[in-house]
Amino acid sequence: MNAVQELAEEQNKKAPPQEWDEPIGFDEDKLPNFDSGIFPAWIKDYVDSVAESTQTPKDAAGIAAISILSTILSRKFEVNVIGDWVETLNTYSVMALGSANRKSSVFKNFIGPVMEYEQEQAETLSIEVAKQQDWLRAKQRRIEKLEKDFAKDNDKKILEEIYSVREEIEAEEIMYIPSFITADATPEKIADLMAKNNEKIAVLSAEGAEAFQMMAGRYTKDKASNIDIYLKGHSADNVSIDRMGRESIKLHNPTLTIGLFVQPSVIKDIPDTFQERGLTQRFLYSFPRSKVGYREIEPKQVDPFVKEVFHNNMNKLLRIEAETPRQLTFDEEASRYEVYLRTEIEEMLKDEDLPDSFQGWIGKLAGQIIRIAGLLHVAEYVGKEIPSEINTDTLQRANVLREYFIQHAMKAHGVMGVNEDEETAKYLLNVIQRQQSETVEYRAIQELTNRKFKTSQDFKETLFQLEDRGFIKMDKVGRKTVYHVHPKIVNNEM
């Protein structure tokens, strides 16, 4: 026992016991948890098993599951809600967790089946693609020779043969090795990949800061953001990209999936341009509570049977063929429920105090839920004939996530560019909590955190904030300043 603890113990013998009110927590303590029960059993079991084995919140695995379903099923299915209102099945999501949270481990568990299928397709098609490339090169060399001959002789028959060979090339459907996932490609590269992959691609990354940097124009000379492909890739709108010295890229119904795991600071640093142009309003957000410091040392590993079922079913979804998206609709009861859903969301939009950016996000919420319902519907019938109508149960399960995404989006739109003080206070509270002591000394905590705080005044003001929230209480033990720590913090109950 050190001197401060001895003094504190001595004083506690004379003083009455500390009386504590319930501390005022930070946002993530109030945020709802992800309900894996929305998924069909084969996905739920895998989400739960991955979360257990990696000792990560279920939110991470749940968001990854939505992203990977979107990667596979976009442009294979879409939901015709009513009239000409059609929702594609691609989603944009971002999950924020600090470092050392095993984000990469979660990610690998979900992208595995897609990467294996991609490699299998590459091995199967590589010979055919090589043959076609040889044929195209031979035809191009033939054109070059004919052009030289025509330049000498000006023979119309040679010119006709040139036209004929060019028509052969243009009529040939170019084969490509399929690519489903990229991590940090430039906007132009994303468009190029989509042009070669049935106008779809997924940007998935466990280190998503790189992807946001690309959106912000990391490799453009003037550093201006080029986010058209991201804006239009969400709603499948026409995209045309002109390229100097190269053929333009034209996409008619591009469907882009984005699934990023990032650190919270990345969301705070998102450029204002993204909000102004509506990009941030297209994302689903998740801010799980970190388990770091409270993880089981020897958790259960992913159940082999559960993993096998997941991989087999994902492989079945990957092998669904569709030249054009197959339209899904709602049955009569689900249609009524969908109207009820939109009515409730419309009521939310009457709140004039909502920030413009968040109001824009709410305006897209019904469409987001419908997209998730479409993904759940197809996943429910994997390996079977997929009904064309989505039922009420499926739409209701998708709607279970409504409040989850609303609360996390409110957090996101509050974090973007604001509230450094709160993040610093949470950092200091974590340092105090790691001491696992009912009393901590001012000087000891200051020494542990001196790299974080520029001045002693900053340190003191952060302590004041924790005291105002009821986490700690200042006291004097002799000439030393100490802080009593709330029992819930000492006992890891918060």
Protein backbone atom coordinates (compact mmCIF):
# COMPACT_ATOMS: atom_id res chain seq x y z
CA MET A 1 0.00 0.00 0.00
CA ASN A 2 1.49 3.39 -0.98
CA ALA A 3 1.51 6.54 1.14
CA VAL A 4 -1.50 8.11 -0.55
CA GLN A 5 -3.62 5.00 -0.05
CA GLU A 6 -2.57 4.82 3.60
CA LEU A 7 -3.50 8.46 4.13
CA ALA A 8 -6.80 7.98 2.29
CA GLU A 9 -7.60 4.93 4.38
CA GLU A 10 -6.78 6.80 7.57
CA GLN A 11 -9.00 9.71 6.55
CA ASN A 12 -11.82 7.36 5.56
CA LYS A 13 -11.85 6.04 9.12
CA LYS A 14 -12.71 9.53 10.33
CA ALA A 15 -14.95 10.65 7.46
CA PRO A 16 -18.38 9.27 6.60
CA PRO A 17 -18.59 6.91 3.56
CA GLN A 18 -18.74 8.58 0.15
CA GLU A 19 -22.25 9.01 -1.22
CA TRP A 20 -22.46 8.73 -4.98
CA ASP A 21 -25.17 9.67 -7.45
CA GLU A 22 -25.49 7.93 -10.80
CA PRO A 23 -22.73 9.39 -13.04
CA ILE A 24 -23.67 11.15 -16.25
CA GLY A 25 -22.22 8.92 -18.98
CA PHE A 26 -21.02 9.71 -22.47
CA ASP A 27 -22.92 9.11 -25.69
CA GLU A 28 -21.76 5.59 -26.42
CA ASP A 29 -23.13 4.40 -23.07
CA LYS A 30 -26.59 5.39 -24.27
CA LEU A 31 -26.32 4.06 -27.81
CA PRO A 32 -28.28 0.89 -28.61
CA ASN A 33 -26.47 -2.36 -29.39
CA PHE A 34 -26.74 -4.18 -32.72
CA ASP A 35 -29.41 -6.89 -32.69
CA SER A 36 -28.03 -9.89 -34.62
CA GLY A 37 -31.50 -11.47 -34.43
CA ILE A 38 -32.50 -9.55 -37.54
CA PHE A 39 -30.52 -12.00 -39.69
CA PRO A 40 -31.52 -15.48 -40.83
CA ALA A 41 -30.21 -18.09 -38.36
CA TRP A 42 -27.17 -19.06 -40.46
CA ILE A 43 -25.90 -15.46 -40.48
CA LYS A 44 -26.90 -14.70 -36.88
CA ASP A 45 -24.98 -17.74 -35.62
CA TYR A 46 -21.89 -16.68 -37.54
CA VAL A 47 -22.11 -13.03 -36.43
CA ASP A 48 -22.41 -14.14 -32.80
CA SER A 49 -19.59 -16.66 -33.14
CA VAL A 50 -17.19 -14.19 -34.79
CA ALA A 51 -17.97 -11.57 -32.14
CA GLU A 52 -17.26 -14.10 -29.40
CA SER A 53 -14.03 -15.43 -30.90
CA THR A 54 -12.61 -11.97 -31.65
CA GLN A 55 -13.98 -10.46 -28.43
CA THR A 56 -15.47 -7.57 -30.36
CA PRO A 57 -18.95 -6.01 -30.11
CA LYS A 58 -21.60 -7.70 -32.29
CA ASP A 59 -22.01 -4.38 -34.07
CA ALA A 60 -18.76 -4.92 -35.97
CA ALA A 61 -19.71 -8.36 -37.26
CA GLY A 62 -23.29 -7.21 -37.93
CA ILE A 63 -22.19 -4.25 -40.06
CA ALA A 64 -19.69 -6.49 -41.88
CA ALA A 65 -22.48 -8.99 -42.63
CA ILE A 66 -24.67 -6.26 -44.17
CA SER A 67 -21.73 -5.02 -46.25
CA ILE A 68 -20.84 -8.46 -47.59
CA LEU A 69 -24.47 -9.25 -48.49
CA SER A 70 -24.58 -5.93 -50.32
CA THR A 71 -21.32 -6.77 -52.12
CA ILE A 72 -22.75 -10.04 -53.40
CA LEU A 73 -26.41 -9.20 -54.09
CA SER A 74 -26.34 -5.68 -55.54
CA ARG A 75 -27.25 -5.72 -59.24
CA LYS A 76 -28.67 -9.22 -58.77
CA PHE A 77 -31.81 -7.98 -57.00
CA GLU A 78 -33.59 -4.69 -56.35
CA VAL A 79 -36.81 -3.69 -54.59
CA ASN A 80 -39.64 -2.04 -56.53
CA VAL A 81 -41.37 -0.22 -53.67
CA ILE A 82 -44.20 1.50 -55.52
CA GLY A 83 -44.61 2.93 -59.01
CA ASP A 84 -41.19 3.76 -60.40
CA TRP A 85 -39.52 3.93 -56.97
CA VAL A 86 -36.81 1.26 -57.00
CA GLU A 87 -34.24 0.69 -54.27
CA THR A 88 -31.01 -1.07 -55.18
CA LEU A 89 -29.46 -3.42 -52.61
CA ASN A 90 -26.10 -1.70 -52.20
CA THR A 91 -25.32 -0.05 -48.86
CA TYR A 92 -22.78 2.44 -47.50
CA SER A 93 -21.70 1.85 -43.91
CA VAL A 94 -18.96 2.98 -41.55
CA MET A 95 -18.18 1.42 -38.17
CA ALA A 96 -15.96 3.38 -35.77
CA LEU A 97 -13.80 1.70 -33.12
CA GLY A 98 -10.48 2.71 -31.62
CA SER A 99 -7.17 0.93 -32.18
CA ALA A 100 -6.46 -2.58 -30.81
CA ASN A 101 -10.10 -3.61 -31.36
CA ARG A 102 -9.32 -6.41 -33.85
CA LYS A 103 -11.23 -4.78 -36.68
CA SER A 104 -9.12 -6.60 -39.28
CA SER A 105 -9.90 -10.00 -37.74
CA VAL A 106 -13.63 -9.37 -37.99
CA PHE A 107 -13.27 -8.16 -41.56
CA LYS A 108 -11.29 -11.21 -42.70
CA ASN A 109 -13.95 -13.55 -41.35
CA PHE A 110 -16.56 -11.98 -43.64
CA ILE A 111 -14.70 -11.23 -46.87
CA GLY A 112 -13.15 -14.72 -46.95
CA PRO A 113 -15.88 -16.42 -49.05
CA VAL A 114 -15.86 -13.59 -51.61
CA MET A 115 -12.07 -13.61 -51.98
CA GLU A 116 -12.06 -17.41 -52.41
CA TYR A 117 -14.77 -17.20 -55.08
CA GLU A 118 -12.91 -14.38 -56.84
CA GLN A 119 -9.73 -16.49 -56.94
CA GLU A 120 -11.65 -19.52 -58.20
CA GLN A 121 -13.16 -17.45 -61.02
CA ALA A 122 -9.75 -16.02 -61.89
CA GLU A 123 -8.29 -19.52 -62.22
CA THR A 124 -11.26 -20.71 -64.29
CA LEU A 125 -11.35 -17.75 -66.68
CA SER A 126 -7.68 -16.81 -66.93
CA ILE A 127 -7.00 -19.04 -69.97
CA GLU A 128 -10.09 -17.82 -71.83
CA VAL A 129 -9.28 -14.19 -71.04
CA ALA A 130 -5.68 -14.70 -72.25
CA LYS A 131 -6.93 -16.27 -75.49
CA GLN A 132 -9.27 -13.36 -76.10
CA GLN A 133 -6.50 -10.84 -75.45
CA ASP A 134 -4.27 -12.66 -77.96
CA TRP A 135 -7.12 -12.55 -80.50
CA LEU A 136 -7.69 -8.83 -79.92
CA ARG A 137 -3.98 -8.06 -80.31
CA ALA A 138 -3.87 -10.08 -83.54
CA LYS A 139 -6.88 -8.21 -84.90
CA GLN A 140 -5.32 -4.87 -83.92
CA ARG A 141 -2.07 -5.81 -85.70
CA ARG A 142 -4.15 -6.79 -88.75
CA ILE A 143 -5.78 -3.35 -88.75
CA GLU A 144 -2.37 -1.64 -88.49
CA LYS A 145 -1.07 -3.62 -91.49
CA LEU A 146 -4.19 -2.92 -93.52
CA GLU A 147 -3.91 0.80 -92.74
CA LYS A 148 -0.35 0.82 -94.09
CA ASP A 149 -1.47 -1.04 -97.21
CA PHE A 150 -4.34 1.37 -97.75
CA ALA A 151 -1.99 4.34 -97.36
CA LYS A 152 0.09 2.92 -100.25
CA ASP A 153 -2.61 1.66 -102.62
CA ASN A 154 -5.77 3.58 -101.63
CA ASP A 155 -7.71 0.39 -102.39
CA LYS A 156 -11.35 0.60 -101.23
CA LYS A 157 -11.44 -3.17 -100.65
CA ILE A 158 -8.69 -2.76 -98.05
CA LEU A 159 -10.69 0.02 -96.38
CA GLU A 160 -13.76 -2.21 -96.27
CA GLU A 161 -11.69 -4.97 -94.64
CA ILE A 162 -10.47 -2.45 -92.03
CA TYR A 163 -14.09 -1.59 -91.22
CA SER A 164 -14.99 -5.28 -91.08
CA VAL A 165 -12.19 -6.14 -88.62
CA ARG A 166 -13.09 -3.18 -86.42
CA GLU A 167 -16.72 -4.34 -86.34
CA GLU A 168 -15.52 -7.78 -85.23
CA ILE A 169 -13.59 -6.20 -82.34
CA GLU A 170 -16.51 -3.96 -81.32
CA ALA A 171 -18.95 -6.90 -81.45
CA GLU A 172 -16.75 -9.01 -79.19
CA GLU A 173 -17.89 -9.00 -75.55
CA ILE A 174 -14.71 -8.31 -73.62
CA MET A 175 -14.00 -10.77 -70.84
CA TYR A 176 -12.43 -9.70 -67.54
CA ILE A 177 -11.27 -11.53 -64.46
CA PRO A 178 -14.06 -10.65 -62.01
CA SER A 179 -13.25 -8.32 -59.14
CA PHE A 180 -15.65 -7.84 -56.26
CA ILE A 181 -13.69 -5.87 -53.69
CA THR A 182 -11.20 -3.01 -53.64
CA ALA A 183 -9.84 -1.19 -50.60
CA ASP A 184 -8.48 2.26 -51.40
CA ALA A 185 -8.85 2.87 -55.13
CA THR A 186 -9.11 6.37 -56.59
CA PRO A 187 -12.55 7.50 -57.86
CA GLU A 188 -11.40 7.00 -61.45
CA LYS A 189 -10.11 3.50 -60.69
CA ILE A 190 -13.39 2.63 -58.98
CA ALA A 191 -15.31 3.68 -62.11
CA ASP A 192 -12.93 1.65 -64.27
CA LEU A 193 -13.40 -1.44 -62.08
CA MET A 194 -17.17 -1.02 -62.22
CA ALA A 195 -17.08 -0.80 -66.01
CA LYS A 196 -15.32 -4.17 -66.07
CA ASN A 197 -17.53 -5.84 -63.43
CA ASN A 198 -21.14 -5.45 -64.52
CA GLU A 199 -21.14 -1.88 -63.17
CA LYS A 200 -20.61 -2.92 -59.54
CA ILE A 201 -17.76 -3.00 -57.03
CA ALA A 202 -17.36 -2.86 -53.26
CA VAL A 203 -14.96 -0.64 -51.34
CA LEU A 204 -14.35 -2.63 -48.17
CA SER A 205 -11.57 -1.90 -45.71
CA ALA A 206 -10.68 -2.50 -42.07
CA GLU A 207 -8.50 0.64 -42.33
CA GLY A 208 -11.08 2.91 -43.89
CA ALA A 209 -9.20 6.18 -43.41
CA GLU A 210 -7.50 5.54 -46.76
CA ALA A 211 -10.85 5.27 -48.52
CA PHE A 212 -12.04 8.61 -47.11
CA GLN A 213 -8.77 10.19 -48.22
CA MET A 214 -9.42 8.92 -51.75
CA MET A 215 -12.92 10.43 -51.66
CA ALA A 216 -11.38 13.74 -50.64
CA GLY A 217 -9.10 13.75 -53.69
CA ARG A 218 -5.84 12.48 -52.22
CA TYR A 219 -4.20 12.14 -55.64
CA THR A 220 -5.71 15.13 -57.42
CA LYS A 221 -3.38 18.05 -58.03
CA ASP A 222 -5.70 20.67 -56.58
CA LYS A 223 -6.79 18.37 -53.72
CA ALA A 224 -10.42 19.01 -54.66
CA SER A 225 -12.77 16.21 -53.77
CA ASN A 226 -14.21 14.15 -56.60
CA ILE A 227 -17.19 12.39 -55.07
CA ASP A 228 -19.57 12.04 -58.03
CA ILE A 229 -18.92 8.30 -58.35
CA TYR A 230 -19.74 7.88 -54.64
CA LEU A 231 -22.90 10.00 -54.84
CA LYS A 232 -24.24 8.35 -57.99
CA GLY A 233 -22.98 4.87 -57.12
CA HIS A 234 -25.37 4.80 -54.17
CA SER A 235 -28.48 5.53 -56.21
CA ALA A 236 -27.41 3.86 -59.49
CA ASP A 237 -27.45 7.12 -61.47
CA ASN A 238 -25.61 7.58 -64.77
CA VAL A 239 -21.91 8.43 -64.47
CA SER A 240 -19.62 9.72 -67.20
CA ILE A 241 -15.93 10.29 -66.51
CA ASP A 242 -13.78 11.95 -69.18
CA ARG A 243 -10.11 10.95 -69.18
CA MET A 244 -7.25 12.76 -70.87
CA GLY A 245 -5.87 10.66 -73.74
CA ARG A 246 -8.07 7.67 -72.89
CA GLU A 247 -11.58 6.49 -73.63
CA SER A 248 -14.27 7.98 -71.37
CA ILE A 249 -15.96 5.77 -68.80
CA LYS A 250 -19.75 5.64 -69.06
CA LEU A 251 -21.81 3.80 -66.44
CA HIS A 252 -25.58 3.51 -66.77
CA ASN A 253 -26.62 1.86 -63.48
CA PRO A 254 -23.53 1.81 -61.22
CA THR A 255 -24.06 0.18 -57.83
CA LEU A 256 -21.28 0.79 -55.36
CA THR A 257 -21.04 -0.82 -51.94
CA ILE A 258 -18.96 0.82 -49.21
CA GLY A 259 -18.14 -0.86 -45.90
CA LEU A 260 -15.44 0.78 -43.79
CA PHE A 261 -14.04 0.15 -40.33
CA VAL A 262 -12.35 3.29 -39.01
CA GLN A 263 -11.14 4.99 -35.86
CA PRO A 264 -13.56 7.63 -34.46
CA SER A 265 -11.15 10.44 -35.33
CA VAL A 266 -11.59 9.64 -39.04
CA ILE A 267 -15.30 10.54 -38.85
CA LYS A 268 -14.52 13.76 -37.00
CA ASP A 269 -12.18 14.76 -39.83
CA ILE A 270 -14.62 14.15 -42.70
CA PRO A 271 -14.58 17.27 -44.90
CA ASP A 272 -17.55 19.64 -44.76
CA THR A 273 -17.87 19.16 -48.54
CA PHE A 274 -19.11 15.62 -47.94
CA GLN A 275 -21.98 16.92 -45.83
CA GLU A 276 -22.80 19.79 -48.15
CA ARG A 277 -23.09 17.49 -51.18
CA GLY A 278 -24.99 14.77 -49.34
CA LEU A 279 -22.37 12.00 -49.19
CA THR A 280 -22.46 11.58 -45.40
CA GLN A 281 -26.25 11.30 -45.56
CA ARG A 282 -25.87 8.08 -47.57
CA PHE A 283 -23.98 6.20 -44.83
CA LEU A 284 -25.22 3.94 -42.05
CA TYR A 285 -23.17 4.59 -38.90
CA SER A 286 -22.10 2.41 -36.00
CA PHE A 287 -20.23 3.44 -32.85
CA PRO A 288 -19.92 0.27 -30.74
CA ARG A 289 -18.60 0.35 -27.22
CA SER A 290 -15.04 -1.00 -27.15
CA LYS A 291 -14.30 -4.19 -25.23
CA VAL A 292 -10.58 -3.45 -24.94
CA GLY A 293 -9.44 -4.09 -21.39
CA TYR A 294 -12.41 -6.35 -20.63
CA ARG A 295 -11.96 -9.15 -23.16
CA GLU A 296 -11.83 -12.81 -22.30
CA ILE A 297 -8.30 -14.15 -22.67
CA GLU A 298 -9.35 -17.59 -23.98
CA PRO A 299 -12.68 -17.13 -25.77
CA LYS A 300 -14.49 -19.80 -27.79
CA GLN A 301 -13.28 -19.98 -31.37
CA VAL A 302 -15.63 -19.75 -34.34
CA ASP A 303 -17.72 -22.90 -34.43
CA PRO A 304 -16.45 -24.98 -37.43
CA PHE A 305 -19.96 -26.09 -38.40
CA VAL A 306 -21.35 -22.55 -38.21
CA LYS A 307 -18.43 -21.33 -40.33
CA GLU A 308 -18.95 -24.07 -42.92
CA VAL A 309 -22.66 -23.29 -43.26
CA PHE A 310 -21.89 -19.57 -43.62
CA HIS A 311 -19.25 -20.14 -46.30
CA ASN A 312 -21.44 -22.62 -48.22
CA ASN A 313 -24.43 -20.29 -48.22
CA MET A 314 -22.37 -17.26 -49.23
CA ASN A 315 -20.99 -19.35 -52.10
CA LYS A 316 -24.55 -20.12 -53.21
CA LEU A 317 -25.40 -16.41 -53.19
CA LEU A 318 -22.26 -15.65 -55.20
CA ARG A 319 -23.32 -18.15 -57.86
CA ILE A 320 -26.74 -16.58 -58.44
CA GLU A 321 -26.60 -15.29 -62.00
CA ALA A 322 -28.46 -12.22 -63.20
CA GLU A 323 -27.72 -10.19 -66.32
CA THR A 324 -30.12 -7.53 -65.05
CA PRO A 325 -31.39 -7.07 -61.47
CA ARG A 326 -34.40 -9.18 -60.54
CA GLN A 327 -37.16 -7.03 -59.05
CA LEU A 328 -38.61 -7.83 -55.66
CA THR A 329 -41.84 -6.30 -54.34
CA PHE A 330 -43.71 -6.29 -51.02
CA ASP A 331 -46.72 -8.49 -50.44
CA GLU A 332 -50.00 -6.76 -49.53
CA GLU A 333 -49.45 -6.78 -45.76
CA ALA A 334 -45.80 -5.72 -46.06
CA SER A 335 -46.85 -2.86 -48.37
CA ARG A 336 -49.16 -1.53 -45.65
CA TYR A 337 -46.37 -1.84 -43.09
CA GLU A 338 -43.98 0.01 -45.43
CA VAL A 339 -46.46 2.92 -45.64
CA TYR A 340 -46.67 2.96 -41.83
CA LEU A 341 -42.87 3.01 -41.67
CA ARG A 342 -42.58 5.97 -44.03
CA THR A 343 -45.34 7.82 -42.18
CA GLU A 344 -43.41 7.57 -38.90
CA ILE A 345 -40.20 8.75 -40.53
CA GLU A 346 -42.03 11.64 -42.18
CA GLU A 347 -43.20 12.76 -38.74
CA MET A 348 -39.57 12.95 -37.64
CA LEU A 349 -38.83 15.35 -40.49
CA LYS A 350 -41.25 17.89 -39.02
CA ASP A 351 -38.70 18.65 -36.30
CA GLU A 352 -37.31 22.01 -37.43
CA ASP A 353 -34.50 21.82 -34.88
CA LEU A 354 -32.80 18.96 -36.73
CA PRO A 355 -29.52 20.00 -38.41
CA ASP A 356 -29.79 20.05 -42.20
CA SER A 357 -27.25 17.25 -42.63
CA PHE A 358 -29.08 14.95 -40.19
CA GLN A 359 -32.45 15.81 -41.72
CA GLY A 360 -31.02 14.75 -45.07
CA TRP A 361 -29.93 11.46 -43.49
CA ILE A 362 -33.43 10.87 -42.06
CA GLY A 363 -34.86 11.53 -45.54
CA LYS A 364 -32.99 8.48 -46.83
CA LEU A 365 -33.77 6.22 -43.86
CA ALA A 366 -36.83 4.47 -45.34
CA GLY A 367 -34.81 3.54 -48.41
CA GLN A 368 -31.99 2.19 -46.22
CA ILE A 369 -34.38 -0.07 -44.29
CA ILE A 370 -35.94 -1.30 -47.55
CA ARG A 371 -32.49 -2.17 -48.90
CA ILE A 372 -31.67 -4.16 -45.77
CA ALA A 373 -35.04 -5.91 -46.03
CA GLY A 374 -34.16 -6.94 -49.60
CA LEU A 375 -30.82 -8.36 -48.46
CA LEU A 376 -32.45 -10.28 -45.60
CA HIS A 377 -35.15 -11.64 -47.93
CA VAL A 378 -32.68 -13.16 -50.40
CA ALA A 379 -30.46 -14.49 -47.58
CA GLU A 380 -33.49 -16.13 -45.95
CA TYR A 381 -34.14 -18.26 -49.03
CA VAL A 382 -30.54 -19.10 -49.94
CA GLY A 383 -30.36 -22.38 -51.83
CA LYS A 384 -34.11 -22.29 -52.54
CA GLU A 385 -36.36 -20.62 -55.06
CA ILE A 386 -36.43 -16.98 -53.97
CA PRO A 387 -39.99 -15.58 -53.78
CA SER A 388 -40.56 -12.33 -55.62
CA GLU A 389 -42.49 -10.83 -52.68
CA ILE A 390 -40.96 -9.69 -49.39
CA ASN A 391 -43.19 -10.44 -46.41
CA THR A 392 -43.97 -8.36 -43.32
CA ASP A 393 -41.75 -10.39 -41.01
CA THR A 394 -38.67 -9.59 -43.09
CA LEU A 395 -39.49 -5.88 -43.30
CA GLN A 396 -40.15 -5.75 -39.56
CA ARG A 397 -36.79 -7.40 -38.83
CA ALA A 398 -35.04 -4.81 -40.99
CA ASN A 399 -36.97 -2.09 -39.18
CA VAL A 400 -35.63 -3.36 -35.83
CA LEU A 401 -32.39 -1.59 -36.80
CA ARG A 402 -34.16 1.75 -37.37
CA GLU A 403 -33.63 3.14 -33.87
CA TYR A 404 -30.12 1.70 -33.78
CA PHE A 405 -29.10 3.56 -36.92
CA ILE A 406 -30.93 6.75 -35.91
CA GLN A 407 -29.10 6.98 -32.58
CA HIS A 408 -25.72 6.16 -34.10
CA ALA A 409 -26.27 8.64 -36.94
CA MET A 410 -27.08 11.33 -34.37
CA LYS A 411 -23.75 10.52 -32.76
CA ALA A 412 -22.01 10.69 -36.16
CA HIS A 413 -23.49 14.05 -37.07
CA GLY A 414 -22.44 15.35 -33.66
CA VAL A 415 -18.90 13.95 -33.91
CA MET A 416 -18.13 15.36 -37.36
CA GLY A 417 -15.79 18.22 -36.63
CA VAL A 418 -16.85 18.85 -33.02
CA ASN A 419 -16.50 17.91 -29.34
CA GLU A 420 -12.78 17.30 -28.84
CA ASP A 421 -13.30 17.98 -25.10
CA GLU A 422 -15.58 14.99 -24.65
CA GLU A 423 -13.14 12.64 -26.39
CA THR A 424 -10.35 13.89 -24.12
CA ALA A 425 -12.51 13.41 -21.02
CA LYS A 426 -13.24 9.82 -22.04
CA TYR A 427 -9.52 9.22 -22.51
CA LEU A 428 -8.75 10.53 -19.00
CA LEU A 429 -11.57 8.49 -17.48
CA ASN A 430 -10.14 5.34 -19.09
CA VAL A 431 -6.72 6.07 -17.55
CA ILE A 432 -8.29 6.51 -14.11
CA GLN A 433 -10.36 3.34 -14.55
CA ARG A 434 -7.27 1.29 -15.39
CA GLN A 435 -5.81 2.10 -11.95
CA GLN A 436 -8.60 -0.01 -10.38
CA SER A 437 -8.37 2.01 -7.19
CA GLU A 438 -10.98 3.82 -5.10
CA THR A 439 -8.58 6.76 -4.76
CA VAL A 440 -6.08 8.18 -7.27
CA GLU A 441 -3.52 10.89 -6.75
CA TYR A 442 -3.57 14.03 -8.88
CA ARG A 443 0.17 13.95 -9.58
CA ALA A 444 0.21 10.26 -10.50
CA ILE A 445 -2.56 10.65 -13.09
CA GLN A 446 -0.96 13.81 -14.45
CA GLU A 447 2.32 11.96 -15.04
CA LEU A 448 0.50 9.13 -16.84
CA THR A 449 -1.22 11.58 -19.20
CA ASN A 450 1.30 14.39 -19.65
CA ARG A 451 1.74 13.62 -23.36
CA LYS A 452 -1.98 14.07 -23.97
CA PHE A 453 -2.39 17.47 -22.30
CA LYS A 454 -0.50 20.51 -23.55
CA THR A 455 -0.87 22.44 -20.30
CA SER A 456 -1.71 21.67 -16.67
CA GLN A 457 -4.77 23.90 -17.09
CA ASP A 458 -6.12 21.60 -19.82
CA PHE A 459 -5.59 18.67 -17.46
CA LYS A 460 -7.40 20.43 -14.61
CA GLU A 461 -10.35 21.43 -16.80
CA THR A 462 -10.78 17.83 -17.95
CA LEU A 463 -10.75 16.65 -14.35
CA PHE A 464 -13.43 19.27 -13.59
CA GLN A 465 -15.54 17.82 -16.41
CA LEU A 466 -15.27 14.30 -14.96
CA GLU A 467 -16.13 15.68 -11.54
CA ASP A 468 -19.18 17.50 -12.94
CA ARG A 469 -20.35 14.22 -14.46
CA GLY A 470 -20.00 12.50 -11.09
CA PHE A 471 -17.21 10.08 -11.99
CA ILE A 472 -14.74 11.44 -9.42
CA LYS A 473 -14.66 13.65 -6.29
CA MET A 474 -11.71 15.83 -5.32
CA ASP A 475 -10.29 15.58 -1.81
CA LYS A 476 -7.21 16.60 0.19
CA VAL A 477 -5.06 14.05 2.01
CA GLY A 478 -2.54 16.09 3.90
CA ARG A 479 -0.98 18.38 1.30
CA LYS A 480 -1.78 16.03 -1.59
CA THR A 481 -4.76 16.36 -3.93
CA VAL A 482 -6.51 13.05 -4.53
CA TYR A 483 -9.69 11.97 -6.29
CA HIS A 484 -12.17 9.41 -5.04
CA VAL A 485 -13.44 7.26 -7.90
CA HIS A 486 -17.06 6.22 -8.39
CA PRO A 487 -17.54 2.55 -7.37
CA LYS A 488 -19.04 1.72 -10.79
CA ILE A 489 -15.80 2.83 -12.43
CA VAL A 490 -13.63 0.89 -9.99
CA ASN A 491 -15.77 -2.26 -10.47
CA ASN A 492 -15.91 -1.94 -14.29
CA GLU A 493 -19.69 -1.60 -14.23
CA MET A 494 -19.78 1.19 -16.82
